[in-house]
Amino acid sequence: MIFVFGGSLGLREFTELRYRYKRTHEHKVRDELEKKGIQMKQPEEITLEKEYEKLEKMDLDNWKNVRISRPWEESENTRAQKDALIKKQSKQNSIHIIE
């Protein structure tokens, strides 16, 4: 019985510390960002209703699925540049061989 009562009091203290630290940490981050020139919105400024209004203004019916290259894949531009370089080098090499 003592362990149950002591455990509940201990847990209450630990959770209180966690939330207290979170509040102070949040203000420190906000102050540091403001010193660097980054303006954060206040949590009260962002509401679900405002975000929903932004979504209503967007045209969500007309969109195009665009595939981008993954980090481990080469993009089309990079591949085209490599192909052009290889062609250029092969032409230069073939010219040197003929001479």
Foldseek 3Di string as FASTA:
>chain_A
DVCVVVVVVVVVVVVVVVVVVVVVVVVVVCVVCVVVPDHDDDPVVDDPVVVVVVVVPDDPVDDDDDDADDPVDDGPVRVVVVVVVVVVVVVVVVVVVVD
